[in-house]
C-alpha atoms as a PDB file:
ATOM      1  CA  UNK A   1      30.623 -52.791 163.056  1.00  0.00           C
ATOM      2  CA  UNK A   2      29.504 -56.196 161.529  1.00  0.00           C
ATOM      3  CA  UNK A   3      32.271 -58.578 160.154  1.00  0.00           C
ATOM      4  CA  UNK A   4      32.582 -62.311 159.649  1.00  0.00           C
ATOM      5  CA  UNK A   5      36.388 -63.616 160.230  1.00  0.00           C
ATOM      6  CA  UNK A   6      37.462 -67.388 159.543  1.00  0.00           C
ATOM      7  CA  UNK A   7      39.347 -68.099 163.008  1.00  0.00           C
ATOM      8  CA  UNK A   8      41.417 -70.773 161.643  1.00  0.00           C
ATOM      9  CA  UNK A   9      42.524 -68.981 158.820  1.00  0.00           C
ATOM     10  CA  UNK A  10      43.414 -65.586 160.359  1.00  0.00           C
ATOM     11  CA  UNK A  11      46.621 -64.134 160.744  1.00  0.00           C
ATOM     12  CA  UNK A  12      47.661 -62.879 163.782  1.00  0.00           C
ATOM     13  CA  UNK A  13      50.922 -60.491 165.072  1.00  0.00           C
ATOM     14  CA  UNK A  14      53.213 -62.791 166.805  1.00  0.00           C
ATOM     15  CA  UNK A  15      54.462 -60.944 169.878  1.00  0.00           C
ATOM     16  CA  UNK A  16      57.888 -61.242 172.009  1.00  0.00           C
ATOM     17  CA  UNK A  17      56.534 -63.597 174.645  1.00  0.00           C
ATOM     18  CA  UNK A  18      55.687 -66.373 172.039  1.00  0.00           C
ATOM     19  CA  UNK A  19      51.891 -65.799 171.396  1.00  0.00           C
ATOM     20  CA  UNK A  20      50.054 -63.994 168.743  1.00  0.00           C
ATOM     21  CA  UNK A  21      47.029 -62.348 168.457  1.00  0.00           C
ATOM     22  CA  UNK A  22      44.517 -59.537 166.648  1.00  0.00           C
ATOM     23  CA  UNK A  23      42.162 -57.744 167.900  1.00  0.00           C
ATOM     24  CA  UNK A  24      38.758 -57.839 165.924  1.00  0.00           C
ATOM     25  CA  UNK A  25      36.935 -55.317 167.591  1.00  0.00           C
ATOM     26  CA  UNK A  26      38.052 -52.683 170.545  1.00  0.00           C
ATOM     27  CA  UNK A  27      35.296 -50.274 171.951  1.00  0.00           C
ATOM     28  CA  UNK A  28      34.758 -48.468 175.423  1.00  0.00           C
ATOM     29  CA  UNK A  29      35.905 -51.535 177.378  1.00  0.00           C
ATOM     30  CA  UNK A  30      35.293 -54.386 175.518  1.00  0.00           C
ATOM     31  CA  UNK A  31      38.250 -55.933 173.607  1.00  0.00           C
ATOM     32  CA  UNK A  32      37.477 -58.972 171.274  1.00  0.00           C
ATOM     33  CA  UNK A  33      40.019 -60.694 169.400  1.00  0.00           C
ATOM     34  CA  UNK A  34      41.558 -63.901 168.579  1.00  0.00           C
ATOM     35  CA  UNK A  35      44.650 -65.107 170.505  1.00  0.00           C
ATOM     36  CA  UNK A  36      47.286 -68.281 169.884  1.00  0.00           C
ATOM     37  CA  UNK A  37      49.592 -69.798 172.013  1.00  0.00           C
ATOM     38  CA  UNK A  38      52.375 -72.775 171.387  1.00  0.00           C
ATOM     39  CA  UNK A  39      52.897 -75.565 173.536  1.00  0.00           C
ATOM     40  CA  UNK A  40      54.815 -74.934 176.977  1.00  0.00           C
ATOM     41  CA  UNK A  41      53.936 -73.571 180.253  1.00  0.00           C
ATOM     42  CA  UNK A  42      52.982 -69.994 181.266  1.00  0.00           C
ATOM     43  CA  UNK A  43      51.603 -68.258 184.319  1.00  0.00           C
ATOM     44  CA  UNK A  44      49.258 -64.953 183.940  1.00  0.00           C
ATOM     45  CA  UNK A  45      46.966 -62.808 185.775  1.00  0.00           C
ATOM     46  CA  UNK A  46      43.687 -62.933 184.259  1.00  0.00           C
ATOM     47  CA  UNK A  47      41.179 -59.906 182.744  1.00  0.00           C
ATOM     48  CA  UNK A  48      37.439 -60.796 183.264  1.00  0.00           C
ATOM     49  CA  UNK A  49      37.471 -62.897 179.927  1.00  0.00           C
ATOM     50  CA  UNK A  50      35.068 -64.885 178.035  1.00  0.00           C
ATOM     51  CA  UNK A  51      36.797 -67.315 175.292  1.00  0.00           C
ATOM     52  CA  UNK A  52      36.328 -70.143 173.158  1.00  0.00           C
ATOM     53  CA  UNK A  53      38.443 -72.998 172.145  1.00  0.00           C
ATOM     54  CA  UNK A  54      38.798 -73.301 168.386  1.00  0.00           C
ATOM     55  CA  UNK A  55      42.193 -75.193 168.111  1.00  0.00           C
ATOM     56  CA  UNK A  56      44.607 -77.183 170.652  1.00  0.00           C
ATOM     57  CA  UNK A  57      44.385 -78.184 174.065  1.00  0.00           C
ATOM     58  CA  UNK A  58      45.675 -76.963 177.321  1.00  0.00           C
ATOM     59  CA  UNK A  59      45.078 -77.932 181.361  1.00  0.00           C
ATOM     60  CA  UNK A  60      44.635 -74.570 183.328  1.00  0.00           C
ATOM     61  CA  UNK A  61      44.977 -74.343 186.820  1.00  0.00           C
ATOM     62  CA  UNK A  62      43.661 -72.026 188.505  1.00  0.00           C
ATOM     63  CA  UNK A  63      45.198 -70.800 192.090  1.00  0.00           C
ATOM     64  CA  UNK A  64      42.836 -71.427 194.962  1.00  0.00           C
ATOM     65  CA  UNK A  65      40.308 -72.888 192.262  1.00  0.00           C
ATOM     66  CA  UNK A  66      39.725 -75.571 189.960  1.00  0.00           C
ATOM     67  CA  UNK A  67      42.216 -77.310 187.074  1.00  0.00           C
ATOM     68  CA  UNK A  68      40.254 -76.772 183.749  1.00  0.00           C
ATOM     69  CA  UNK A  69      41.158 -79.312 180.894  1.00  0.00           C
ATOM     70  CA  UNK A  70      39.933 -77.148 177.385  1.00  0.00           C
ATOM     71  CA  UNK A  71      40.027 -77.868 173.994  1.00  0.00           C
ATOM     72  CA  UNK A  72      38.010 -77.429 170.804  1.00  0.00           C
ATOM     73  CA  UNK A  73      34.448 -76.364 171.359  1.00  0.00           C
ATOM     74  CA  UNK A  74      35.013 -75.729 175.120  1.00  0.00           C
ATOM     75  CA  UNK A  75      33.752 -72.339 176.748  1.00  0.00           C
ATOM     76  CA  UNK A  76      35.831 -70.698 179.260  1.00  0.00           C
ATOM     77  CA  UNK A  77      35.099 -67.893 181.677  1.00  0.00           C
ATOM     78  CA  UNK A  78      37.879 -66.111 183.917  1.00  0.00           C
ATOM     79  CA  UNK A  79      37.161 -63.697 186.796  1.00  0.00           C
ATOM     80  CA  UNK A  80      39.728 -60.546 186.627  1.00  0.00           C
ATOM     81  CA  UNK A  81      42.489 -61.179 188.894  1.00  0.00           C
ATOM     82  CA  UNK A  82      42.283 -64.708 188.765  1.00  0.00           C
ATOM     83  CA  UNK A  83      45.887 -65.949 188.848  1.00  0.00           C
ATOM     84  CA  UNK A  84      46.491 -69.301 186.609  1.00  0.00           C
ATOM     85  CA  UNK A  85      48.918 -71.719 185.222  1.00  0.00           C
ATOM     86  CA  UNK A  86      48.584 -72.641 181.572  1.00  0.00           C
ATOM     87  CA  UNK A  87      49.907 -76.270 180.600  1.00  0.00           C
ATOM     88  CA  UNK A  88      49.720 -76.012 176.800  1.00  0.00           C
ATOM     89  CA  UNK A  89      49.428 -79.491 174.929  1.00  0.00           C
ATOM     90  CA  UNK A  90      49.109 -78.241 171.808  1.00  0.00           C
ATOM     91  CA  UNK A  91      48.984 -75.013 169.572  1.00  0.00           C
ATOM     92  CA  UNK A  92      46.089 -73.196 170.867  1.00  0.00           C
ATOM     93  CA  UNK A  93      43.960 -70.639 169.289  1.00  0.00           C
ATOM     94  CA  UNK A  94      40.917 -68.953 170.999  1.00  0.00           C
ATOM     95  CA  UNK A  95      38.214 -66.529 170.301  1.00  0.00           C
ATOM     96  CA  UNK A  96      38.072 -63.738 173.315  1.00  0.00           C
ATOM     97  CA  UNK A  97      36.014 -61.120 174.872  1.00  0.00           C
ATOM     98  CA  UNK A  98      37.571 -59.280 177.667  1.00  0.00           C
ATOM     99  CA  UNK A  99      35.559 -56.803 179.684  1.00  0.00           C
ATOM    100  CA  UNK A 100      37.409 -54.181 181.898  1.00  0.00           C
END
């Protein structure tokens, strides 16, 4: 399946946890989509993920690992099981691929 999406204009479905997302394509063990989160602090246990930040900024602390400063144009990779704390400074929108 081939397609194009203008990420900044994509309409996302809000979730009860304050995030919003849409799945662009899911096949087998690969999910691709767009995800957004507003300012604040959240913790998470990550999937095997690669993402590109489109808008916004955050500081992401990986337990027993580095602290990452991410913003527009940055590519980030998480290992499955990484425990993270996200300090979101500006509404952040990313495009992601999760394998698992």
